[in-house]
């Protein structure tokens, strides 16, 4: 079931989203060759503690870290640790924040040092698909319209939409109804209303869309070893459009 958040609840999510955006941006500028994914997790925990916020992911269904760090062919849910980032890698960083009783969720993908054109294009299209999907949000829109827009951008550029994973509603729970696939048919699905809060997150690859889960029971990778990129924002449907809540 999805419910419309009131103005007080939305403002709580906005404050949490600002914290999430600040931490994610700090992690992004910290990424460089030679650091470990565990270094990023330590930094995220320290920053969240300063802000008196909690990491939504920590211990969520047993997840052992505060952020997800997914490198190269890893799509999502990569566990931070001793992995050293190398020049030319790409890394997706996913962060959820719980603040004042509400969750927000955000992610980005970036290169480690210098990356080649293929990797840059993959990242650019993943971000463009999120931006384009968000741009049409307004009350009365079908969820399928957003899904179709994302799919059109991704597949039109020659990339694949990961079909076994999705975005989601968000609020007092990290994952609420509805699931938000990154492909679909325009004019179908849930009709958006003012006050709906959604975590929209395109996940794409430069190969096939099939995925598998590694032996750690968390890390999702492309089945064919192709590269993957991931972007996410938490948004609220407004009277005439939308607001991004995960921005500084």
Protein backbone atom coordinates (compact mmCIF):
# COMPACT_ATOMS: atom_id res chain seq x y z
CA UNK A 1 0.00 0.00 0.00
CA UNK A 2 1.24 3.49 -0.81
CA UNK A 3 0.19 6.55 1.16
CA UNK A 4 0.55 10.27 0.57
CA UNK A 5 3.00 12.01 2.87
CA UNK A 6 1.91 15.26 4.47
CA UNK A 7 4.01 18.43 4.44
CA UNK A 8 5.63 17.69 7.82
CA UNK A 9 6.67 14.20 6.73
CA UNK A 10 8.02 15.51 3.45
CA UNK A 11 10.14 18.10 5.25
CA UNK A 12 11.59 15.40 7.48
CA UNK A 13 12.49 13.41 4.38
CA UNK A 14 13.97 16.53 2.79
CA UNK A 15 16.24 17.08 5.79
CA UNK A 16 17.34 13.45 5.68
CA UNK A 17 17.81 13.68 1.94
CA UNK A 18 20.09 16.69 2.32
CA UNK A 19 22.26 14.66 4.69
CA UNK A 20 22.31 11.77 2.24
CA UNK A 21 23.30 14.08 -0.63
CA UNK A 22 26.07 15.67 1.43
CA UNK A 23 27.56 12.33 2.40
CA UNK A 24 27.31 10.89 -1.12
CA UNK A 25 28.96 13.97 -2.63
CA UNK A 26 31.75 13.74 -0.05
CA UNK A 27 32.30 10.08 -0.89
CA UNK A 28 32.38 10.91 -4.60
CA UNK A 29 35.17 13.47 -4.26
CA UNK A 30 37.09 11.05 -2.02
CA UNK A 31 37.18 8.30 -4.65
CA UNK A 32 40.66 7.92 -6.16
CA UNK A 33 43.05 5.12 -7.11
CA UNK A 34 44.56 3.38 -4.08
CA UNK A 35 41.77 3.76 -1.54
CA UNK A 36 39.62 0.83 -0.50
CA UNK A 37 35.87 0.49 -0.57
CA UNK A 38 36.11 0.00 3.18
CA UNK A 39 37.67 3.48 3.51
CA UNK A 40 34.51 4.90 1.93
CA UNK A 41 32.30 3.03 4.36
CA UNK A 42 34.28 4.33 7.34
CA UNK A 43 33.94 7.89 6.05
CA UNK A 44 30.19 7.49 5.51
CA UNK A 45 29.67 6.18 9.04
CA UNK A 46 31.63 9.08 10.52
CA UNK A 47 29.68 11.69 8.55
CA UNK A 48 26.32 10.16 9.43
CA UNK A 49 27.29 10.13 13.09
CA UNK A 50 28.12 13.86 12.89
CA UNK A 51 24.69 14.51 11.40
CA UNK A 52 22.97 12.34 14.04
CA UNK A 53 21.54 10.19 11.28
CA UNK A 54 21.55 6.43 10.79
CA UNK A 55 22.60 4.32 7.83
CA UNK A 56 19.43 2.73 6.48
CA UNK A 57 21.33 -0.23 5.03
CA UNK A 58 23.26 -1.22 8.17
CA UNK A 59 21.82 -4.54 9.39
CA UNK A 60 18.90 -4.22 6.94
CA UNK A 61 18.02 -7.87 6.33
CA UNK A 62 21.49 -8.65 7.66
CA UNK A 63 23.50 -6.31 5.40
CA UNK A 64 26.86 -5.73 7.16
CA UNK A 65 27.84 -2.19 6.08
CA UNK A 66 26.58 1.39 5.90
CA UNK A 67 26.88 1.86 2.13
CA UNK A 68 27.01 -0.31 -0.98
CA UNK A 69 30.10 -0.07 -3.20
CA UNK A 70 29.68 -1.85 -6.54
CA UNK A 71 32.70 -1.95 -8.84
CA UNK A 72 32.76 -2.56 -12.60
CA UNK A 73 30.52 -5.58 -13.30
CA UNK A 74 28.88 -5.33 -9.86
CA UNK A 75 25.40 -3.87 -10.27
CA UNK A 76 24.33 -3.22 -6.67
CA UNK A 77 24.84 -4.34 -3.07
CA UNK A 78 28.61 -4.68 -3.22
CA UNK A 79 29.92 -4.94 0.36
CA UNK A 80 32.72 -2.48 1.27
CA UNK A 81 35.96 -4.01 2.49
CA UNK A 82 39.58 -4.41 1.50
CA UNK A 83 39.11 -4.03 -2.25
CA UNK A 84 41.51 -1.43 -3.61
CA UNK A 85 40.15 0.88 -6.30
CA UNK A 86 42.32 0.97 -9.43
CA UNK A 87 42.76 3.59 -12.13
CA UNK A 88 40.08 3.03 -14.75
CA UNK A 89 37.57 1.27 -12.49
CA UNK A 90 34.02 2.53 -12.19
CA UNK A 91 32.21 2.41 -8.85
CA UNK A 92 28.58 2.76 -7.89
CA UNK A 93 27.98 4.12 -4.38
CA UNK A 94 24.54 3.63 -2.86
CA UNK A 95 23.52 5.26 0.42
CA UNK A 96 20.35 5.18 2.48
CA UNK A 97 19.77 7.54 5.42
CA UNK A 98 17.28 7.25 8.26
CA UNK A 99 16.54 10.59 9.90
CA UNK A 100 13.64 11.74 12.08
CA UNK A 101 11.88 8.44 11.44
CA UNK A 102 12.05 8.51 7.63
CA UNK A 103 14.34 7.04 5.00
CA UNK A 104 15.85 8.52 1.84
CA UNK A 105 17.93 6.63 -0.71
CA UNK A 106 20.41 7.87 -3.32
CA UNK A 107 23.19 6.55 -5.55
CA UNK A 108 25.67 7.52 -8.24
CA UNK A 109 28.34 5.93 -10.40
CA UNK A 110 31.70 7.53 -11.19
CA UNK A 111 35.08 6.72 -12.61
CA UNK A 112 38.21 6.08 -10.57
CA UNK A 113 40.84 8.38 -12.07
CA UNK A 114 40.77 8.38 -15.87
CA UNK A 115 38.23 6.11 -17.57
CA UNK A 116 37.74 5.25 -21.24
CA UNK A 117 34.97 6.54 -23.50
CA UNK A 118 32.90 3.34 -23.20
CA UNK A 119 32.72 3.63 -19.42
CA UNK A 120 32.02 7.34 -19.53
CA UNK A 121 29.17 6.83 -21.99
CA UNK A 122 27.67 4.08 -19.83
CA UNK A 123 27.70 6.39 -16.80
CA UNK A 124 26.33 9.34 -18.78
CA UNK A 125 23.41 7.32 -20.18
CA UNK A 126 22.53 5.90 -16.75
CA UNK A 127 22.39 9.43 -15.34
CA UNK A 128 20.49 10.76 -18.35
CA UNK A 129 17.89 8.02 -18.01
CA UNK A 130 17.28 9.00 -14.38
CA UNK A 131 17.09 12.71 -15.21
CA UNK A 132 14.73 12.09 -18.12
CA UNK A 133 12.56 9.73 -16.10
CA UNK A 134 12.22 12.26 -13.29
CA UNK A 135 11.52 15.15 -15.66
CA UNK A 136 8.01 13.96 -16.54
CA UNK A 137 6.78 13.25 -12.99
CA UNK A 138 3.52 14.96 -12.00
CA UNK A 139 0.17 13.98 -10.48
CA UNK A 140 -1.93 11.90 -12.85
CA UNK A 141 1.07 10.36 -14.60
CA UNK A 142 1.20 6.57 -14.87
CA UNK A 143 4.21 4.87 -13.30
CA UNK A 144 4.65 3.05 -16.61
CA UNK A 145 5.36 6.40 -18.29
CA UNK A 146 8.48 6.87 -16.14
CA UNK A 147 9.55 3.26 -16.66
CA UNK A 148 9.09 3.54 -20.41
CA UNK A 149 11.05 6.81 -20.58
CA UNK A 150 14.00 5.24 -18.74
CA UNK A 151 13.94 2.15 -20.95
CA UNK A 152 13.77 4.24 -24.12
CA UNK A 153 16.83 6.31 -23.16
CA UNK A 154 18.90 3.29 -22.14
CA UNK A 155 18.06 0.95 -24.99
CA UNK A 156 18.14 3.77 -27.53
CA UNK A 157 21.81 4.27 -26.63
CA UNK A 158 22.58 0.57 -27.10
CA UNK A 159 22.67 -0.42 -23.43
CA UNK A 160 20.51 -2.82 -21.41
CA UNK A 161 18.14 -2.23 -18.51
CA UNK A 162 18.66 -4.61 -15.59
CA UNK A 163 15.24 -6.26 -15.33
CA UNK A 164 15.53 -8.26 -12.10
CA UNK A 165 15.98 -5.20 -9.87
CA UNK A 166 13.85 -2.14 -9.27
CA UNK A 167 13.34 1.11 -7.46
CA UNK A 168 10.66 1.43 -4.79
CA UNK A 169 8.41 3.55 -2.69
CA UNK A 170 10.08 4.94 0.43
CA UNK A 171 9.20 6.66 3.69
CA UNK A 172 8.97 5.26 7.20
CA UNK A 173 10.21 2.00 5.67
CA UNK A 174 13.27 1.81 3.43
CA UNK A 175 11.39 -0.16 0.81
CA UNK A 176 7.70 0.54 0.42
CA UNK A 177 5.13 -0.07 -2.31
CA UNK A 178 5.27 0.24 -5.29
CA UNK A 179 8.20 -1.53 -6.95
CA UNK A 180 9.47 0.68 -9.78
CA UNK A 181 10.93 -1.24 -12.69
CA UNK A 182 13.17 0.50 -15.20
CA UNK A 183 11.21 -0.76 -18.18
CA UNK A 184 7.52 -0.74 -18.97
CA UNK A 185 4.64 0.37 -21.13
CA UNK A 186 3.54 4.00 -21.21
CA UNK A 187 0.01 4.63 -19.97
CA UNK A 188 0.00 1.65 -17.60
CA UNK A 189 0.50 1.11 -13.90
CA UNK A 190 -0.09 3.12 -10.75
CA UNK A 191 -1.33 6.70 -11.20
CA UNK A 192 0.84 9.17 -9.27
CA UNK A 193 -0.66 11.48 -6.65
CA UNK A 194 0.71 14.47 -4.78
CA UNK A 195 2.63 13.34 -1.70
CA UNK A 196 3.89 10.04 -3.09
CA UNK A 197 7.59 9.53 -2.33
CA UNK A 198 9.58 7.32 -4.65
CA UNK A 199 13.16 6.05 -4.95
CA UNK A 200 13.81 5.83 -8.67
CA UNK A 201 17.03 4.09 -9.67
CA UNK A 202 18.03 3.03 -13.18
CA UNK A 203 20.53 0.15 -13.23
CA UNK A 204 22.00 -0.58 -16.63
CA UNK A 205 24.74 -2.59 -18.32
CA UNK A 206 26.77 -2.42 -21.51
CA UNK A 207 26.03 -6.09 -22.16
CA UNK A 208 23.16 -8.43 -21.32
CA UNK A 209 20.62 -7.60 -18.61
CA UNK A 210 20.77 -10.92 -16.72
CA UNK A 211 22.35 -10.92 -13.26
CA UNK A 212 23.53 -13.34 -10.60
CA UNK A 213 24.32 -13.07 -6.88
CA UNK A 214 27.80 -13.85 -5.55
CA UNK A 215 28.56 -16.23 -2.69
CA UNK A 216 28.38 -13.41 -0.14
CA UNK A 217 24.59 -13.53 -0.75
CA UNK A 218 24.51 -9.78 -1.44
CA UNK A 219 26.62 -8.62 -4.37
CA UNK A 220 24.63 -8.59 -7.62
CA UNK A 221 26.79 -8.83 -10.76
CA UNK A 222 26.06 -8.97 -14.47
CA UNK A 223 25.92 -12.60 -15.55
CA UNK A 224 28.10 -11.94 -18.62
CA UNK A 225 30.68 -9.82 -16.77
CA UNK A 226 29.67 -6.61 -18.55
CA UNK A 227 30.02 -3.20 -16.91
CA UNK A 228 27.15 -1.70 -14.94
CA UNK A 229 26.11 1.78 -13.78
CA UNK A 230 23.48 2.94 -11.27
CA UNK A 231 21.96 6.29 -10.30
CA UNK A 232 19.18 7.03 -7.80
CA UNK A 233 17.21 9.88 -6.24
CA UNK A 234 14.38 9.99 -3.74
CA UNK A 235 11.64 12.30 -5.02
CA UNK A 236 8.23 13.55 -3.94
CA UNK A 237 5.33 14.16 -6.30
CA UNK A 238 4.21 17.78 -5.87
CA UNK A 239 1.06 19.63 -6.89
CA UNK A 240 2.47 20.41 -10.33
CA UNK A 241 5.54 18.19 -10.73
CA UNK A 242 8.19 16.77 -8.44
CA UNK A 243 10.98 17.70 -6.02
CA UNK A 244 14.25 15.83 -5.58
CA UNK A 245 14.68 15.24 -1.86
CA UNK A 246 18.23 13.83 -2.05
CA UNK A 247 20.03 17.04 -2.95
CA UNK A 248 22.02 19.55 -0.90
